[in-house]
Amino acid sequence: MAGRSNVGKSTLINALCRRPLARTSAAAGKTRLANGFRLTVEGGGPGRWDMYLVDLPGYGYARGGGDAAREFETLSAAYFGRREGQQRRTLPASQSALLLVDARHPALESDLAAWTWLTETVVTPAIVATKIDKLSRAERLRALKANEAAFEHPVLPISASTGEGLDELWKLIERLTSRNPNNRRPPRPPRRLPRS
């Protein structure tokens, strides 16, 4: 999971897992390392499968100023295995990525730059708009329309505090990880229909 500082990456991980795994704070820039969580997911169609959910440090704000911001950028590039000037076609398809954007602040330049970087770095990126519960119905529609127009990609609205969109997010995560050649599961046997 990638996104600006204070966009709700750690809070979303906790909501997805239904327990406090990732450390959260009201202050921006608390996540300083790439924190990985190995999950065993059960049910929901694909059966039982393992995955890693990684909480990357946020961009746009960093405690410690410019040096810390550069350190975070270097960490993210190292995590995705990208070297300066290297394009996606030379990289293995080893990760998927979710870009988290704050629904209240659509189409920020830093989010657009992060999306461009992710689409050049990973094979299967997707966009999730967090904090959707803080917007009225009309504001939600405007924000989602603005984000989808700016990113030229579908945006999934979610709320970690109310749980809105979490089931759809799990389905999206399953689709992203099933496309990942390092995370393929054997096909399920065909279901036999009962004879009448």
C-alpha atoms as a PDB file:
ATOM      1  CA  MET A   1       0.000   0.000   0.000  1.00  0.00           C
ATOM      2  CA  ALA A   2       1.378   3.331  -1.064  1.00  0.00           C
ATOM      3  CA  GLY A   3       0.017   6.819  -0.508  1.00  0.00           C
ATOM      4  CA  ARG A   4       0.548  10.224   1.009  1.00  0.00           C
ATOM      5  CA  SER A   5       1.291  10.561   4.702  1.00  0.00           C
ATOM      6  CA  ASN A   6      -1.870  10.468   6.802  1.00  0.00           C
ATOM      7  CA  VAL A   7      -4.008   9.007   3.979  1.00  0.00           C
ATOM      8  CA  GLY A   8      -4.939   6.069   6.207  1.00  0.00           C
ATOM      9  CA  LYS A   9      -2.719   3.186   5.047  1.00  0.00           C
ATOM     10  CA  SER A  10      -2.148   1.733   8.516  1.00  0.00           C
ATOM     11  CA  THR A  11      -5.774   2.292   9.539  1.00  0.00           C
ATOM     12  CA  LEU A  12      -6.953   0.510   6.397  1.00  0.00           C
ATOM     13  CA  ILE A  13      -4.681  -2.476   7.075  1.00  0.00           C
ATOM     14  CA  ASN A  14      -6.174  -2.722  10.571  1.00  0.00           C
ATOM     15  CA  ALA A  15      -9.720  -2.505   9.170  1.00  0.00           C
ATOM     16  CA  LEU A  16      -9.006  -5.180   6.536  1.00  0.00           C
ATOM     17  CA  CYS A  17      -7.533  -7.523   9.138  1.00  0.00           C
ATOM     18  CA  ARG A  18     -10.143  -6.621  11.774  1.00  0.00           C
ATOM     19  CA  ARG A  19      -7.450  -6.189  14.403  1.00  0.00           C
ATOM     20  CA  PRO A  20      -4.730  -3.649  15.239  1.00  0.00           C
ATOM     21  CA  LEU A  21      -1.673  -4.931  13.354  1.00  0.00           C
ATOM     22  CA  ALA A  22      -0.299  -1.680  11.948  1.00  0.00           C
ATOM     23  CA  ARG A  23       0.620   1.161  14.250  1.00  0.00           C
ATOM     24  CA  THR A  24      -1.526   4.253  13.677  1.00  0.00           C
ATOM     25  CA  SER A  25      -1.195   7.872  14.744  1.00  0.00           C
ATOM     26  CA  ALA A  26      -3.002  11.162  14.217  1.00  0.00           C
ATOM     27  CA  ALA A  27       0.365  12.736  13.371  1.00  0.00           C
ATOM     28  CA  ALA A  28       1.535  12.397   9.777  1.00  0.00           C
ATOM     29  CA  GLY A  29       4.795  10.671   8.918  1.00  0.00           C
ATOM     30  CA  LYS A  30       4.894   8.079  11.717  1.00  0.00           C
ATOM     31  CA  THR A  31       5.539   5.087   9.437  1.00  0.00           C
ATOM     32  CA  ARG A  32       9.269   5.191   8.773  1.00  0.00           C
ATOM     33  CA  LEU A  33       9.872   1.646   7.491  1.00  0.00           C
ATOM     34  CA  ALA A  34       8.218  -0.768   5.074  1.00  0.00           C
ATOM     35  CA  ASN A  35       6.145  -2.858   7.489  1.00  0.00           C
ATOM     36  CA  GLY A  36       5.133  -6.225   6.071  1.00  0.00           C
ATOM     37  CA  PHE A  37       2.291  -8.396   7.313  1.00  0.00           C
ATOM     38  CA  ARG A  38       1.890 -12.019   6.160  1.00  0.00           C
ATOM     39  CA  LEU A  39      -1.783 -12.880   5.972  1.00  0.00           C
ATOM     40  CA  THR A  40      -3.616 -16.119   5.386  1.00  0.00           C
ATOM     41  CA  VAL A  41      -6.923 -15.255   3.788  1.00  0.00           C
ATOM     42  CA  GLU A  42      -9.816 -17.697   3.906  1.00  0.00           C
ATOM     43  CA  GLY A  43     -13.120 -17.761   2.090  1.00  0.00           C
ATOM     44  CA  GLY A  44     -14.630 -15.318  -0.338  1.00  0.00           C
ATOM     45  CA  GLY A  45     -14.236 -17.535  -3.391  1.00  0.00           C
ATOM     46  CA  PRO A  46     -10.566 -18.432  -3.880  1.00  0.00           C
ATOM     47  CA  GLY A  47     -10.369 -20.632  -0.785  1.00  0.00           C
ATOM     48  CA  ARG A  48      -7.348 -20.257   1.469  1.00  0.00           C
ATOM     49  CA  TRP A  49      -4.375 -18.208   0.199  1.00  0.00           C
ATOM     50  CA  ASP A  50      -1.341 -16.430   1.618  1.00  0.00           C
ATOM     51  CA  MET A  51      -0.240 -12.907   0.822  1.00  0.00           C
ATOM     52  CA  TYR A  52       1.928 -10.105   2.144  1.00  0.00           C
ATOM     53  CA  LEU A  53       0.407  -6.714   2.832  1.00  0.00           C
ATOM     54  CA  VAL A  54       3.085  -4.026   3.062  1.00  0.00           C
ATOM     55  CA  ASP A  55       2.561  -0.627   4.672  1.00  0.00           C
ATOM     56  CA  LEU A  56       5.018   1.733   2.967  1.00  0.00           C
ATOM     57  CA  PRO A  57       5.987   5.120   4.410  1.00  0.00           C
ATOM     58  CA  GLY A  58       3.898   7.975   3.081  1.00  0.00           C
ATOM     59  CA  TYR A  59       5.062  10.597   0.643  1.00  0.00           C
ATOM     60  CA  GLY A  60       4.412  14.333   0.764  1.00  0.00           C
ATOM     61  CA  TYR A  61       5.345  14.811   4.413  1.00  0.00           C
ATOM     62  CA  ALA A  62       8.122  13.323   6.436  1.00  0.00           C
ATOM     63  CA  ARG A  63       9.295  13.935   9.959  1.00  0.00           C
ATOM     64  CA  GLY A  64      12.894  14.955   9.549  1.00  0.00           C
ATOM     65  CA  GLY A  65      12.418  17.152   6.482  1.00  0.00           C
ATOM     66  CA  GLY A  66      13.929  16.662   3.050  1.00  0.00           C
ATOM     67  CA  ASP A  67      16.458  14.019   4.091  1.00  0.00           C
ATOM     68  CA  ALA A  68      13.709  11.812   5.497  1.00  0.00           C
ATOM     69  CA  ALA A  69      11.559  12.346   2.383  1.00  0.00           C
ATOM     70  CA  ARG A  70      14.451  11.246   0.128  1.00  0.00           C
ATOM     71  CA  GLU A  71      15.028   8.257   2.405  1.00  0.00           C
ATOM     72  CA  PHE A  72      11.369   7.233   2.019  1.00  0.00           C
ATOM     73  CA  GLU A  73      11.572   7.593  -1.769  1.00  0.00           C
ATOM     74  CA  THR A  74      14.691   5.422  -1.827  1.00  0.00           C
ATOM     75  CA  LEU A  75      13.003   2.829   0.405  1.00  0.00           C
ATOM     76  CA  SER A  76       9.947   2.613  -1.853  1.00  0.00           C
ATOM     77  CA  ALA A  77      12.078   2.269  -4.971  1.00  0.00           C
ATOM     78  CA  ALA A  78      14.167  -0.429  -3.291  1.00  0.00           C
ATOM     79  CA  TYR A  79      11.059  -2.303  -2.137  1.00  0.00           C
ATOM     80  CA  PHE A  80       9.672  -2.479  -5.666  1.00  0.00           C
ATOM     81  CA  GLY A  81      13.111  -3.382  -7.046  1.00  0.00           C
ATOM     82  CA  ARG A  82      13.319  -0.360  -9.311  1.00  0.00           C
ATOM     83  CA  ARG A  83      16.555   1.367 -10.161  1.00  0.00           C
ATOM     84  CA  GLU A  84      16.720   4.883 -11.524  1.00  0.00           C
ATOM     85  CA  GLY A  85      15.837   4.902 -15.212  1.00  0.00           C
ATOM     86  CA  GLN A  86      14.627   1.299 -15.214  1.00  0.00           C
ATOM     87  CA  GLN A  87      11.264   0.662 -16.856  1.00  0.00           C
ATOM     88  CA  ARG A  88       8.595  -1.880 -15.915  1.00  0.00           C
ATOM     89  CA  ARG A  89       9.173  -4.170 -18.887  1.00  0.00           C
ATOM     90  CA  THR A  90      12.572  -5.159 -17.436  1.00  0.00           C
ATOM     91  CA  LEU A  91      11.119  -5.918 -13.994  1.00  0.00           C
ATOM     92  CA  PRO A  92       9.624  -9.215 -12.857  1.00  0.00           C
ATOM     93  CA  ALA A  93       5.905  -9.080 -12.091  1.00  0.00           C
ATOM     94  CA  SER A  94       6.522  -9.710  -8.406  1.00  0.00           C
ATOM     95  CA  GLN A  95       4.276  -7.137  -6.754  1.00  0.00           C
ATOM     96  CA  SER A  96       0.928  -5.503  -7.056  1.00  0.00           C
ATOM     97  CA  ALA A  97       0.274  -2.113  -5.529  1.00  0.00           C
ATOM     98  CA  LEU A  98      -2.626  -0.146  -4.154  1.00  0.00           C
ATOM     99  CA  LEU A  99      -2.319   3.621  -4.306  1.00  0.00           C
ATOM    100  CA  LEU A 100      -4.377   5.158  -1.520  1.00  0.00           C
ATOM    101  CA  VAL A 101      -5.650   8.681  -2.125  1.00  0.00           C
ATOM    102  CA  ASP A 102      -7.715  10.846   0.228  1.00  0.00           C
ATOM    103  CA  ALA A 103     -11.207  11.182  -1.263  1.00  0.00           C
ATOM    104  CA  ARG A 104     -11.463  14.700   0.211  1.00  0.00           C
ATOM    105  CA  HIS A 105      -8.505  15.912  -1.900  1.00  0.00           C
ATOM    106  CA  PRO A 106      -8.969  14.577  -5.451  1.00  0.00           C
ATOM    107  CA  ALA A 107      -6.248  14.593  -8.091  1.00  0.00           C
ATOM    108  CA  LEU A 108      -3.361  16.019  -6.057  1.00  0.00           C
ATOM    109  CA  GLU A 109      -0.125  16.435  -8.025  1.00  0.00           C
ATOM    110  CA  SER A 110       1.757  14.189  -5.574  1.00  0.00           C
ATOM    111  CA  ASP A 111      -0.846  11.430  -6.034  1.00  0.00           C
ATOM    112  CA  LEU A 112      -0.717  11.759  -9.829  1.00  0.00           C
ATOM    113  CA  ALA A 113       3.088  11.545  -9.735  1.00  0.00           C
ATOM    114  CA  ALA A 114       2.909   8.474  -7.472  1.00  0.00           C
ATOM    115  CA  TRP A 115       0.415   6.834  -9.859  1.00  0.00           C
ATOM    116  CA  THR A 116       2.680   7.470 -12.831  1.00  0.00           C
ATOM    117  CA  TRP A 117       5.613   5.991 -10.912  1.00  0.00           C
ATOM    118  CA  LEU A 118       3.601   2.921  -9.848  1.00  0.00           C
ATOM    119  CA  THR A 119       2.264   2.228 -13.344  1.00  0.00           C
ATOM    120  CA  GLU A 120       5.868   2.233 -14.600  1.00  0.00           C
ATOM    121  CA  THR A 121       7.049   0.046 -11.717  1.00  0.00           C
ATOM    122  CA  VAL A 122       4.484  -2.681 -11.001  1.00  0.00           C
ATOM    123  CA  VAL A 123       2.349  -4.714 -13.360  1.00  0.00           C
ATOM    124  CA  THR A 124      -0.933  -4.533 -11.421  1.00  0.00           C
ATOM    125  CA  PRO A 125      -1.589  -1.216  -9.656  1.00  0.00           C
ATOM    126  CA  ALA A 126      -5.008  -0.006  -8.485  1.00  0.00           C
ATOM    127  CA  ILE A 127      -6.381   3.126  -6.800  1.00  0.00           C
ATOM    128  CA  VAL A 128      -8.398   3.300  -3.576  1.00  0.00           C
ATOM    129  CA  ALA A 129     -10.020   6.519  -2.277  1.00  0.00           C
ATOM    130  CA  THR A 130      -9.986   6.518   1.533  1.00  0.00           C
ATOM    131  CA  LYS A 131     -12.059   8.501   4.039  1.00  0.00           C
ATOM    132  CA  ILE A 132     -15.117   8.436   1.766  1.00  0.00           C
ATOM    133  CA  ASP A 133     -17.366   8.553   4.839  1.00  0.00           C
ATOM    134  CA  LYS A 134     -16.275  12.150   5.485  1.00  0.00           C
ATOM    135  CA  LEU A 135     -17.984  13.363   2.277  1.00  0.00           C
ATOM    136  CA  SER A 136     -21.650  13.964   1.528  1.00  0.00           C
ATOM    137  CA  ARG A 137     -23.269  11.983  -1.293  1.00  0.00           C
ATOM    138  CA  ALA A 138     -22.832  14.839  -3.800  1.00  0.00           C
ATOM    139  CA  GLU A 139     -19.217  15.451  -2.702  1.00  0.00           C
ATOM    140  CA  ARG A 140     -18.461  11.732  -3.113  1.00  0.00           C
ATOM    141  CA  LEU A 141     -19.709  11.712  -6.684  1.00  0.00           C
ATOM    142  CA  ARG A 142     -17.722  14.846  -7.586  1.00  0.00           C
ATOM    143  CA  ALA A 143     -14.547  13.555  -5.906  1.00  0.00           C
ATOM    144  CA  LEU A 144     -14.727  10.109  -7.527  1.00  0.00           C
ATOM    145  CA  LYS A 145     -15.464  11.612 -10.938  1.00  0.00           C
ATOM    146  CA  ALA A 146     -12.518  14.033 -10.555  1.00  0.00           C
ATOM    147  CA  ASN A 147     -10.156  11.237  -9.458  1.00  0.00           C
ATOM    148  CA  GLU A 148     -11.189   8.856 -12.229  1.00  0.00           C
ATOM    149  CA  ALA A 149     -10.805  11.596 -14.845  1.00  0.00           C
ATOM    150  CA  ALA A 150      -7.365  12.622 -13.534  1.00  0.00           C
ATOM    151  CA  PHE A 151      -5.976   9.087 -13.091  1.00  0.00           C
ATOM    152  CA  GLU A 152      -7.771   7.646 -16.137  1.00  0.00           C
ATOM    153  CA  HIS A 153      -8.413   4.550 -14.037  1.00  0.00           C
ATOM    154  CA  PRO A 154     -11.271   3.269 -11.841  1.00  0.00           C
ATOM    155  CA  VAL A 155     -11.115   4.387  -8.192  1.00  0.00           C
ATOM    156  CA  LEU A 156     -12.582   2.236  -5.410  1.00  0.00           C
ATOM    157  CA  PRO A 157     -14.177   4.307  -2.600  1.00  0.00           C
ATOM    158  CA  ILE A 158     -13.714   2.941   0.929  1.00  0.00           C
ATOM    159  CA  SER A 159     -13.969   3.897   4.570  1.00  0.00           C
ATOM    160  CA  ALA A 160     -11.865   2.128   7.176  1.00  0.00           C
ATOM    161  CA  SER A 161     -13.970   3.592   9.992  1.00  0.00           C
ATOM    162  CA  THR A 162     -17.417   2.505   8.700  1.00  0.00           C
ATOM    163  CA  GLY A 163     -16.283  -0.560   6.720  1.00  0.00           C
ATOM    164  CA  GLU A 164     -17.829   0.758   3.512  1.00  0.00           C
ATOM    165  CA  GLY A 165     -16.138  -0.810   0.479  1.00  0.00           C
ATOM    166  CA  LEU A 166     -13.944  -3.270   2.423  1.00  0.00           C
ATOM    167  CA  ASP A 167     -15.560  -6.341   0.825  1.00  0.00           C
ATOM    168  CA  GLU A 168     -14.981  -4.836  -2.628  1.00  0.00           C
ATOM    169  CA  LEU A 169     -11.391  -4.062  -1.639  1.00  0.00           C
ATOM    170  CA  TRP A 170     -10.785  -7.697  -0.645  1.00  0.00           C
ATOM    171  CA  LYS A 171     -12.130  -8.754  -4.057  1.00  0.00           C
ATOM    172  CA  LEU A 172      -9.800  -6.261  -5.739  1.00  0.00           C
ATOM    173  CA  ILE A 173      -6.829  -7.537  -3.720  1.00  0.00           C
ATOM    174  CA  GLU A 174      -7.673 -11.101  -4.704  1.00  0.00           C
ATOM    175  CA  ARG A 175      -7.813 -10.108  -8.386  1.00  0.00           C
ATOM    176  CA  LEU A 176      -4.499  -8.250  -8.134  1.00  0.00           C
ATOM    177  CA  THR A 177      -2.719 -11.099  -6.393  1.00  0.00           C
ATOM    178  CA  SER A 178      -4.139 -13.792  -8.683  1.00  0.00           C
ATOM    179  CA  ARG A 179      -2.578 -12.005 -11.689  1.00  0.00           C
ATOM    180  CA  ASN A 180       0.754 -12.087  -9.908  1.00  0.00           C
ATOM    181  CA  PRO A 181       2.743 -15.069 -11.291  1.00  0.00           C
ATOM    182  CA  ASN A 182       4.526 -15.491  -7.938  1.00  0.00           C
ATOM    183  CA  ASN A 183       1.202 -15.761  -6.150  1.00  0.00           C
ATOM    184  CA  ARG A 184      -0.807 -18.064  -8.409  1.00  0.00           C
ATOM    185  CA  ARG A 185      -2.963 -20.708  -6.803  1.00  0.00           C
ATOM    186  CA  PRO A 186      -3.894 -23.964  -8.480  1.00  0.00           C
ATOM    187  CA  PRO A 187      -7.264 -23.778 -10.220  1.00  0.00           C
ATOM    188  CA  ARG A 188     -10.221 -25.023  -8.250  1.00  0.00           C
ATOM    189  CA  PRO A 189     -11.786 -28.252  -9.467  1.00  0.00           C
ATOM    190  CA  PRO A 190     -15.018 -27.712 -11.390  1.00  0.00           C
ATOM    191  CA  ARG A 191     -18.177 -27.889  -9.303  1.00  0.00           C
ATOM    192  CA  ARG A 192     -20.498 -30.685 -10.133  1.00  0.00           C
ATOM    193  CA  LEU A 193     -24.116 -29.734 -10.320  1.00  0.00           C
ATOM    194  CA  PRO A 194     -26.543 -32.061  -8.541  1.00  0.00           C
ATOM    195  CA  ARG A 195     -28.550 -34.270 -10.843  1.00  0.00           C
ATOM    196  CA  SER A 196     -32.253 -33.709 -10.802  1.00  0.00           C
END
